[in-house]
């Protein structure tokens, strides 16, 4: 089942419609890079040669490349050569128009200077592509991003650079299309937008049953995805685990992390955070009115399923080895509204995604920025942050309040109290206050959006 990626499919297809060229596609492991390429070629009904590199020498991968060409029937006889450029030269005579995909391109650097490999690819691009398209993919994000840097041999030669991200909440919901909007919010808040993770969801089971099967089972593929695959390229997994265990489902400032984990003030934490942002484990958040204020920057775990594991699972692994998964769920996840609080923050994330999606579609034509807003009102002695803030063309703000309730309606009284509290903040010019809730009391005074609106 292939889900979403309409824009990405369009971009890759447009690239393939050009005379020839080089494309790089990168994204973290299990994000669906290979699936995207397969889907594009399937839709176009075109053959292509696919080769996945291994963590071996460049020469060994070149030999394997030739063997795979023979296995797939593109060449009949062995081709000698120690570099891919040697092979591409010959291919222009025996199969000149076949498009080629080289997966996990960065593995070619395993025991060879990357400058040698990239220079050889430069030679291929400049001399041997002719009417062919070459697609390089990779999961080592920092190395793939370096391909377009000015000092790289491939600089200026890449026709299409595509960074593959997680599916948004609407795309992910196709994996559990039989669920209600209320349930869809919960599933996305827990399992996020990884196609790999979402394919493992059993949509006939409840959220609780899927959490037990996929998150509380050390033998499950989702458990391995979080505990192993995401950290395969990290040399210091111990301090990374400490850092993520501290952040959990929150947003933490650099100074908070530094104090809590006793990091030395020598720039080491900043380097670690940058690495985690580069590999898309962390995201950097700043209020849209304080984007250049380092004191207001906070860091958050980016992937929902990783966030769930660090909030509920990895800190209590010993308990998971003692009590049943069912009891673990009841005691350590669902009690004291722990799960409800987690899902509430996921709902806020979904509402922000909805606004961005509609702005890109042209439905909301006056939106400039979407995020949070930090206020500090010394006159009334209050400060804090609005979680949903929209800056408009007129430089005024729309402020949203998001409520994820279970069997409870957002009352008109609550709306009144929230509205009056927001109005008391003098520093911000607001032209609209709105509410998004799972359930709310019908009224004509306050602008309210139902959860169903997000999935229309």
Protein backbone atom coordinates (compact mmCIF):
# COMPACT_ATOMS: atom_id res chain seq x y z
CA UNK A 1 0.00 0.00 0.00
CA UNK A 2 1.57 3.25 -1.14
CA UNK A 3 0.23 6.36 0.61
CA UNK A 4 0.58 10.09 -0.08
CA UNK A 5 3.67 11.72 -1.65
CA UNK A 6 1.70 13.39 -4.48
CA UNK A 7 4.00 16.40 -4.63
CA UNK A 8 7.13 14.22 -4.47
CA UNK A 9 5.83 11.94 -7.23
CA UNK A 10 5.21 15.00 -9.39
CA UNK A 11 8.72 16.39 -8.78
CA UNK A 12 10.47 13.09 -9.58
CA UNK A 13 8.34 12.61 -12.70
CA UNK A 14 9.20 16.10 -13.93
CA UNK A 15 12.88 15.29 -13.38
CA UNK A 16 12.53 12.10 -15.42
CA UNK A 17 10.84 14.07 -18.20
CA UNK A 18 14.01 16.16 -18.65
CA UNK A 19 16.63 15.02 -21.21
CA UNK A 20 19.04 13.63 -18.59
CA UNK A 21 20.44 14.52 -15.18
CA UNK A 22 21.41 13.74 -11.62
CA UNK A 23 19.00 13.63 -8.68
CA UNK A 24 19.69 13.10 -4.98
CA UNK A 25 17.00 11.81 -2.63
CA UNK A 26 17.62 11.62 1.10
CA UNK A 27 15.70 11.03 4.31
CA UNK A 28 16.07 9.11 7.53
CA UNK A 29 15.84 5.32 7.53
CA UNK A 30 12.48 3.73 6.80
CA UNK A 31 11.00 6.99 5.52
CA UNK A 32 10.04 5.49 2.15
CA UNK A 33 12.76 6.58 -0.29
CA UNK A 34 12.90 3.30 -2.20
CA UNK A 35 9.11 2.96 -2.14
CA UNK A 36 8.76 6.43 -3.69
CA UNK A 37 11.14 5.62 -6.55
CA UNK A 38 9.41 2.31 -7.22
CA UNK A 39 6.01 4.00 -7.24
CA UNK A 40 7.13 6.66 -9.71
CA UNK A 41 8.53 4.12 -12.17
CA UNK A 42 5.49 1.86 -11.73
CA UNK A 43 3.16 4.77 -12.53
CA UNK A 44 5.26 5.63 -15.58
CA UNK A 45 5.43 1.93 -16.55
CA UNK A 46 9.17 2.27 -17.10
CA UNK A 47 11.97 -0.14 -16.36
CA UNK A 48 14.98 1.01 -14.35
CA UNK A 49 18.10 -0.51 -12.86
CA UNK A 50 18.24 -0.54 -9.06
CA UNK A 51 21.38 -1.17 -7.04
CA UNK A 52 21.77 -1.03 -3.26
CA UNK A 53 25.27 -0.34 -1.99
CA UNK A 54 26.77 -2.23 0.93
CA UNK A 55 29.25 -1.14 3.58
CA UNK A 56 32.23 -2.35 1.60
CA UNK A 57 35.00 -0.87 -0.54
CA UNK A 58 34.22 1.19 -3.61
CA UNK A 59 35.84 -1.49 -5.78
CA UNK A 60 33.73 -4.26 -4.17
CA UNK A 61 30.54 -2.26 -4.74
CA UNK A 62 31.56 -1.63 -8.35
CA UNK A 63 31.97 -5.39 -8.91
CA UNK A 64 28.60 -6.02 -7.22
CA UNK A 65 27.07 -3.33 -9.46
CA UNK A 66 28.23 -5.25 -12.55
CA UNK A 67 26.98 -8.57 -11.18
CA UNK A 68 23.57 -7.04 -10.51
CA UNK A 69 23.44 -5.66 -14.05
CA UNK A 70 24.00 -9.22 -15.32
CA UNK A 71 21.40 -10.70 -12.95
CA UNK A 72 18.77 -8.20 -14.04
CA UNK A 73 19.56 -8.87 -17.71
CA UNK A 74 20.94 -5.47 -18.67
CA UNK A 75 24.30 -6.88 -19.79
CA UNK A 76 25.24 -10.35 -20.97
CA UNK A 77 28.96 -10.32 -20.24
CA UNK A 78 31.12 -9.22 -17.33
CA UNK A 79 32.57 -5.71 -17.49
CA UNK A 80 35.96 -4.98 -15.99
CA UNK A 81 36.53 -1.78 -14.07
CA UNK A 82 37.35 -0.55 -10.58
CA UNK A 83 35.20 2.57 -10.68
CA UNK A 84 31.59 3.22 -11.59
CA UNK A 85 32.68 5.65 -14.32
CA UNK A 86 34.36 2.69 -16.09
CA UNK A 87 31.04 0.82 -16.04
CA UNK A 88 28.91 3.79 -17.13
CA UNK A 89 31.21 4.32 -20.12
CA UNK A 90 30.48 0.78 -21.33
CA UNK A 91 26.76 1.02 -20.52
CA UNK A 92 26.37 3.87 -22.99
CA UNK A 93 27.10 1.33 -25.73
CA UNK A 94 25.03 -1.64 -24.48
CA UNK A 95 22.02 0.00 -22.73
CA UNK A 96 22.21 3.77 -23.19
CA UNK A 97 18.71 4.79 -22.11
CA UNK A 98 18.17 2.82 -18.91
CA UNK A 99 17.70 4.99 -15.84
CA UNK A 100 19.75 3.99 -12.79
CA UNK A 101 19.05 4.21 -9.05
CA UNK A 102 21.94 3.81 -6.60
CA UNK A 103 20.56 3.32 -3.10
CA UNK A 104 22.52 4.13 0.10
CA UNK A 105 25.10 6.01 -1.93
CA UNK A 106 27.05 7.07 1.18
CA UNK A 107 28.01 3.44 1.84
CA UNK A 108 30.49 3.87 -0.99
CA UNK A 109 32.55 6.07 1.36
CA UNK A 110 32.95 3.23 3.87
CA UNK A 111 36.61 2.55 3.13
CA UNK A 112 37.29 5.04 0.34
CA UNK A 113 37.75 8.79 0.38
CA UNK A 114 34.41 10.42 -0.36
CA UNK A 115 36.20 12.91 -2.59
CA UNK A 116 37.29 10.02 -4.83
CA UNK A 117 33.74 8.68 -5.03
CA UNK A 118 32.11 12.07 -5.58
CA UNK A 119 34.72 12.98 -8.20
CA UNK A 120 33.97 9.75 -10.05
CA UNK A 121 30.25 10.60 -9.97
CA UNK A 122 31.13 14.06 -11.31
CA UNK A 123 32.89 12.36 -14.22
CA UNK A 124 29.81 10.20 -14.86
CA UNK A 125 27.48 13.20 -14.74
CA UNK A 126 29.63 15.32 -17.04
CA UNK A 127 30.49 12.66 -19.62
CA UNK A 128 28.49 9.44 -19.44
CA UNK A 129 24.83 10.16 -18.60
CA UNK A 130 23.86 11.15 -22.17
CA UNK A 131 20.08 10.40 -22.24
CA UNK A 132 20.09 8.66 -18.87
CA UNK A 133 18.85 9.76 -15.43
CA UNK A 134 20.83 8.86 -12.31
CA UNK A 135 19.20 8.90 -8.86
CA UNK A 136 21.34 8.71 -5.72
CA UNK A 137 19.58 7.99 -2.41
CA UNK A 138 20.88 7.88 1.14
CA UNK A 139 19.91 7.77 4.82
CA UNK A 140 23.02 9.40 6.28
CA UNK A 141 21.51 12.85 6.10
CA UNK A 142 24.54 15.01 6.82
CA UNK A 143 26.62 13.23 4.15
CA UNK A 144 23.85 13.51 1.56
CA UNK A 145 23.34 17.21 2.28
CA UNK A 146 27.08 17.74 1.75
CA UNK A 147 26.76 16.71 -1.90
CA UNK A 148 25.51 20.16 -2.80
CA UNK A 149 28.08 22.14 -0.84
CA UNK A 150 30.36 24.44 -2.81
CA UNK A 151 33.53 22.42 -2.15
CA UNK A 152 31.95 19.15 -3.33
CA UNK A 153 32.71 17.86 -6.85
CA UNK A 154 28.96 17.51 -7.50
CA UNK A 155 28.19 21.11 -6.57
CA UNK A 156 25.91 22.73 -9.15
CA UNK A 157 25.37 19.47 -11.02
CA UNK A 158 22.30 18.15 -9.18
CA UNK A 159 19.10 18.81 -11.14
CA UNK A 160 16.77 17.76 -8.33
CA UNK A 161 17.48 17.56 -4.61
CA UNK A 162 14.62 16.03 -2.65
CA UNK A 163 14.49 15.67 1.12
CA UNK A 164 11.85 13.11 2.07
CA UNK A 165 9.98 13.90 5.29
CA UNK A 166 7.39 12.05 7.33
CA UNK A 167 3.83 11.86 6.06
CA UNK A 168 1.54 14.57 7.38
CA UNK A 169 -1.42 13.68 9.57
CA UNK A 170 -3.85 13.48 6.62
CA UNK A 171 -1.62 11.17 4.59
CA UNK A 172 -0.89 8.94 7.61
CA UNK A 173 -4.61 8.61 8.36
CA UNK A 174 -5.02 6.56 5.17
CA UNK A 175 -3.40 3.65 7.06
CA UNK A 176 -6.33 3.66 9.52
CA UNK A 177 -9.05 5.10 7.32
CA UNK A 178 -11.79 3.19 9.16
CA UNK A 179 -11.23 5.15 12.39
CA UNK A 180 -13.16 8.20 13.57
CA UNK A 181 -11.44 11.61 13.46
CA UNK A 182 -11.02 11.41 17.25
CA UNK A 183 -9.21 8.08 16.88
CA UNK A 184 -7.16 9.30 13.91
CA UNK A 185 -5.76 12.13 16.03
CA UNK A 186 -4.75 9.61 18.69
CA UNK A 187 -3.11 7.23 16.20
CA UNK A 188 -1.09 10.01 14.56
CA UNK A 189 -0.06 11.47 17.94
CA UNK A 190 1.39 8.10 18.94
CA UNK A 191 2.67 6.58 15.69
CA UNK A 192 3.54 9.72 13.73
CA UNK A 193 4.19 9.89 10.00
CA UNK A 194 6.72 7.14 9.29
CA UNK A 195 5.32 4.95 6.46
CA UNK A 196 7.26 2.00 7.87
CA UNK A 197 5.65 2.34 11.31
CA UNK A 198 2.18 3.03 9.95
CA UNK A 199 2.20 -0.06 7.73
CA UNK A 200 2.57 -2.16 10.88
CA UNK A 201 -0.61 -0.74 12.44
CA UNK A 202 -3.57 -3.11 12.49
CA UNK A 203 -6.46 -0.79 11.71
CA UNK A 204 -8.96 -3.37 12.94
CA UNK A 205 -7.55 -3.07 16.47
CA UNK A 206 -7.90 -0.21 18.96
CA UNK A 207 -5.18 2.29 19.84
CA UNK A 208 -4.56 0.43 23.10
CA UNK A 209 -4.17 -2.92 21.31
CA UNK A 210 -1.78 -1.45 18.75
CA UNK A 211 0.32 0.20 21.48
CA UNK A 212 0.55 -3.10 23.34
CA UNK A 213 1.44 -5.07 20.20
CA UNK A 214 3.88 -2.60 18.65
CA UNK A 215 5.33 -0.51 21.50
CA UNK A 216 5.29 -2.83 24.50
CA UNK A 217 6.64 -5.86 22.67
CA UNK A 218 10.48 -5.85 22.57
CA UNK A 219 10.32 -8.24 19.60
CA UNK A 220 8.17 -5.96 17.45
CA UNK A 221 9.57 -4.16 14.41
CA UNK A 222 8.46 -0.80 15.79
CA UNK A 223 10.37 -1.41 19.01
CA UNK A 224 13.50 -2.20 16.97
CA UNK A 225 12.95 0.84 14.76
CA UNK A 226 13.11 3.17 17.74
CA UNK A 227 15.77 1.46 19.82
CA UNK A 228 18.16 0.45 17.03
CA UNK A 229 17.63 1.83 13.55
CA UNK A 230 17.44 5.52 14.44
CA UNK A 231 20.72 5.34 16.34
CA UNK A 232 22.77 3.25 13.93
CA UNK A 233 24.83 6.30 12.88
CA UNK A 234 25.30 7.83 16.35
CA UNK A 235 28.66 7.34 18.03
CA UNK A 236 27.49 8.57 21.44
CA UNK A 237 24.14 6.84 22.00
CA UNK A 238 24.47 7.04 25.81
CA UNK A 239 24.34 10.84 26.03
CA UNK A 240 21.74 10.97 23.24
CA UNK A 241 19.50 8.65 25.25
CA UNK A 242 19.98 10.82 28.34
CA UNK A 243 19.09 13.94 26.38
CA UNK A 244 15.98 12.47 24.74
CA UNK A 245 14.89 10.89 28.02
CA UNK A 246 14.97 14.34 29.62
CA UNK A 247 13.04 16.07 26.81
CA UNK A 248 10.37 13.34 26.43
CA UNK A 249 7.06 14.98 25.46
CA UNK A 250 8.20 18.47 26.38
CA UNK A 251 10.04 21.40 24.90
CA UNK A 252 13.31 22.22 26.65
CA UNK A 253 15.67 25.18 26.45
CA UNK A 254 19.39 24.69 25.97
CA UNK A 255 20.08 26.01 29.49
CA UNK A 256 17.54 23.60 31.02
CA UNK A 257 19.16 20.62 29.31
CA UNK A 258 22.63 21.80 30.30
CA UNK A 259 21.72 22.10 33.99
CA UNK A 260 19.66 18.92 34.21
CA UNK A 261 22.25 16.68 32.53
CA UNK A 262 25.37 18.45 33.87
CA UNK A 263 26.80 19.23 30.45
CA UNK A 264 29.97 21.28 30.53
CA UNK A 265 29.65 24.78 29.12
CA UNK A 266 32.14 24.18 26.33
CA UNK A 267 29.84 24.00 23.31
CA UNK A 268 29.52 20.21 23.45
CA UNK A 269 25.77 20.31 24.00
CA UNK A 270 25.25 22.67 21.06
CA UNK A 271 27.19 20.30 18.77
CA UNK A 272 25.15 17.32 19.96
CA UNK A 273 21.87 19.16 19.49
CA UNK A 274 22.92 20.25 15.98
CA UNK A 275 23.72 16.63 15.10
CA UNK A 276 20.31 15.47 16.34
CA UNK A 277 18.59 18.22 14.34
CA UNK A 278 20.59 17.27 11.23
CA UNK A 279 19.43 13.65 11.47
CA UNK A 280 15.87 14.81 12.24
CA UNK A 281 15.59 13.41 15.75
CA UNK A 282 15.17 16.85 17.31
CA UNK A 283 13.44 19.98 16.04
CA UNK A 284 14.19 23.56 17.01
CA UNK A 285 11.18 25.65 17.98
CA UNK A 286 10.96 29.39 18.61
CA UNK A 287 7.84 31.56 18.96
CA UNK A 288 7.09 33.32 15.68
CA UNK A 289 7.48 36.69 17.40
CA UNK A 290 10.83 35.73 19.00
CA UNK A 291 12.58 33.82 16.24
CA UNK A 292 15.94 35.50 16.86
CA UNK A 293 15.80 35.28 20.66
CA UNK A 294 18.01 32.35 21.68
CA UNK A 295 16.53 32.40 25.20
CA UNK A 296 13.11 31.48 23.77
CA UNK A 297 14.36 28.61 21.58
CA UNK A 298 13.24 25.17 22.72
CA UNK A 299 14.04 21.70 21.49
CA UNK A 300 11.52 18.94 20.97
CA UNK A 301 11.64 15.31 19.80
CA UNK A 302 10.49 15.43 16.18
CA UNK A 303 9.22 11.89 15.51
CA UNK A 304 5.98 11.10 17.39
CA UNK A 305 6.72 7.40 17.84
CA UNK A 306 10.18 8.20 19.25
CA UNK A 307 8.57 10.80 21.52
CA UNK A 308 6.06 8.18 22.72
CA UNK A 309 8.81 5.68 23.50
CA UNK A 310 10.83 8.19 25.50
CA UNK A 311 7.73 9.35 27.36
CA UNK A 312 6.25 5.97 28.26
CA UNK A 313 8.49 3.01 27.41
CA UNK A 314 12.25 3.40 27.55
CA UNK A 315 12.37 4.83 31.07
CA UNK A 316 10.47 1.82 32.46
CA UNK A 317 11.90 -1.11 30.52
CA UNK A 318 12.57 -3.02 33.76
CA UNK A 319 8.85 -2.83 34.63
CA UNK A 320 7.98 -4.10 31.17
CA UNK A 321 10.07 -7.18 31.92
CA UNK A 322 8.12 -7.84 35.13
CA UNK A 323 4.44 -7.01 34.56
CA UNK A 324 2.19 -7.88 31.65
CA UNK A 325 1.90 -5.42 28.75
CA UNK A 326 -1.78 -4.93 29.58
CA UNK A 327 -1.02 -3.95 33.18
CA UNK A 328 1.88 -1.79 32.02
CA UNK A 329 -0.50 0.10 29.73
CA UNK A 330 -3.07 0.63 32.45
CA UNK A 331 -0.58 1.66 35.16
CA UNK A 332 2.17 3.54 33.35
CA UNK A 333 0.49 4.91 30.22
CA UNK A 334 -3.25 5.40 30.68
CA UNK A 335 -3.48 6.33 34.37
CA UNK A 336 -3.75 9.92 35.69
CA UNK A 337 -4.53 11.17 32.18
CA UNK A 338 -0.90 10.62 31.11
CA UNK A 339 -1.91 9.40 27.67
CA UNK A 340 -4.56 12.11 27.40
CA UNK A 341 -1.97 14.84 27.97
CA UNK A 342 0.31 13.26 25.37
CA UNK A 343 -2.51 13.12 22.80
CA UNK A 344 -3.47 16.74 23.53
CA UNK A 345 -0.04 17.94 22.41
CA UNK A 346 -0.32 15.77 19.32
CA UNK A 347 -3.65 17.43 18.55
CA UNK A 348 -1.98 20.86 18.66
CA UNK A 349 0.61 19.60 16.19
CA UNK A 350 -2.15 18.40 13.85
CA UNK A 351 -3.98 21.74 14.00
CA UNK A 352 -0.78 23.58 13.04
CA UNK A 353 -0.27 21.14 10.15
CA UNK A 354 -3.87 21.72 9.01
CA UNK A 355 -3.35 25.50 8.88
CA UNK A 356 -0.10 25.13 6.90
CA UNK A 357 -1.69 22.65 4.46
CA UNK A 358 -4.65 24.97 3.83
CA UNK A 359 -2.37 27.99 3.46
CA UNK A 360 -0.30 26.15 0.81
CA UNK A 361 -3.52 25.16 -0.97
CA UNK A 362 -4.57 28.82 -1.06
CA UNK A 363 -7.57 28.37 1.25
CA UNK A 364 -6.03 30.68 3.87
CA UNK A 365 -4.68 33.44 1.65
CA UNK A 366 -3.58 35.88 4.36
CA UNK A 367 -1.34 33.58 6.43
CA UNK A 368 2.35 34.50 6.73
CA UNK A 369 3.54 32.38 9.66
CA UNK A 370 2.17 29.61 11.87
CA UNK A 371 3.57 28.63 15.25
CA UNK A 372 3.42 29.73 18.86
CA UNK A 373 3.55 33.26 20.35
CA UNK A 374 5.43 34.26 23.49
CA UNK A 375 3.96 37.10 25.53
CA UNK A 376 5.36 39.02 28.47
CA UNK A 377 2.95 41.53 29.98
CA UNK A 378 4.61 43.24 32.98
CA UNK A 379 1.58 45.49 33.54
CA UNK A 380 -0.64 42.54 34.32
CA UNK A 381 2.30 40.50 35.64
CA UNK A 382 1.72 37.58 33.28
CA UNK A 383 3.81 35.80 30.68
CA UNK A 384 3.41 32.62 28.73
CA UNK A 385 2.92 31.17 25.29
CA UNK A 386 -0.01 30.73 22.93
CA UNK A 387 0.42 27.31 21.30
CA UNK A 388 -1.43 28.23 18.09
CA UNK A 389 -0.62 31.64 16.63
CA UNK A 390 -1.12 32.77 13.03
CA UNK A 391 0.53 35.94 11.75
CA UNK A 392 -1.44 37.49 8.91
CA UNK A 393 -0.60 39.89 6.10
CA UNK A 394 -2.11 42.77 8.09
CA UNK A 395 0.46 42.01 10.86
CA UNK A 396 -2.32 41.01 13.23
CA UNK A 397 -2.63 37.61 14.87
CA UNK A 398 -5.20 34.85 15.05
CA UNK A 399 -4.90 32.91 18.30
CA UNK A 400 -6.22 29.36 18.56
CA UNK A 401 -7.06 27.28 21.61
CA UNK A 402 -7.02 23.53 21.06
CA UNK A 403 -8.84 21.07 23.32
CA UNK A 404 -8.68 17.30 23.01
CA UNK A 405 -11.43 16.06 25.31
CA UNK A 406 -12.80 12.60 25.96
CA UNK A 407 -16.53 12.67 26.78
CA UNK A 408 -16.38 16.35 27.71
CA UNK A 409 -17.64 19.32 25.74
CA UNK A 410 -15.79 22.60 25.54
CA UNK A 411 -18.33 24.85 27.23
CA UNK A 412 -19.29 28.40 26.32
CA UNK A 413 -18.10 29.43 29.79
CA UNK A 414 -14.64 27.98 29.06
CA UNK A 415 -14.58 29.83 25.75
CA UNK A 416 -15.52 33.06 27.49
CA UNK A 417 -12.82 32.64 30.16
CA UNK A 418 -10.14 31.76 27.59
CA UNK A 419 -11.14 34.69 25.38
CA UNK A 420 -11.07 37.22 28.22
CA UNK A 421 -7.66 35.94 29.35
CA UNK A 422 -6.26 36.35 25.85
CA UNK A 423 -7.73 39.83 25.47
CA UNK A 424 -5.95 40.98 28.62
CA UNK A 425 -2.57 40.59 26.89
CA UNK A 426 -1.84 44.12 25.74
CA UNK A 427 1.30 43.62 23.65
CA UNK A 428 -0.32 41.63 20.83
CA UNK A 429 -2.82 42.87 18.25
CA UNK A 430 -5.39 40.13 17.76
CA UNK A 431 -8.13 40.17 15.16
CA UNK A 432 -9.46 36.66 15.76
CA UNK A 433 -9.69 34.05 18.51
CA UNK A 434 -10.83 30.57 17.57
CA UNK A 435 -11.30 27.17 19.20
CA UNK A 436 -10.70 23.67 17.85
CA UNK A 437 -12.12 20.87 19.95
CA UNK A 438 -13.23 17.28 19.85
CA UNK A 439 -16.58 18.34 21.34
CA UNK A 440 -18.00 21.79 22.07
CA UNK A 441 -21.24 23.50 22.98
CA UNK A 442 -22.94 25.02 19.96
CA UNK A 443 -23.11 28.82 20.07
CA UNK A 444 -23.14 31.89 17.82
CA UNK A 445 -20.64 33.97 19.79
CA UNK A 446 -17.35 32.10 19.43
CA UNK A 447 -15.67 30.70 16.32
CA UNK A 448 -15.36 26.93 16.81
CA UNK A 449 -14.03 24.19 14.55
CA UNK A 450 -14.82 20.53 15.05
CA UNK A 451 -12.25 17.75 14.84
CA UNK A 452 -14.09 16.48 11.75
CA UNK A 453 -13.11 19.68 9.91
CA UNK A 454 -9.46 18.59 9.96
CA UNK A 455 -10.21 15.46 7.96
CA UNK A 456 -12.56 16.82 5.30
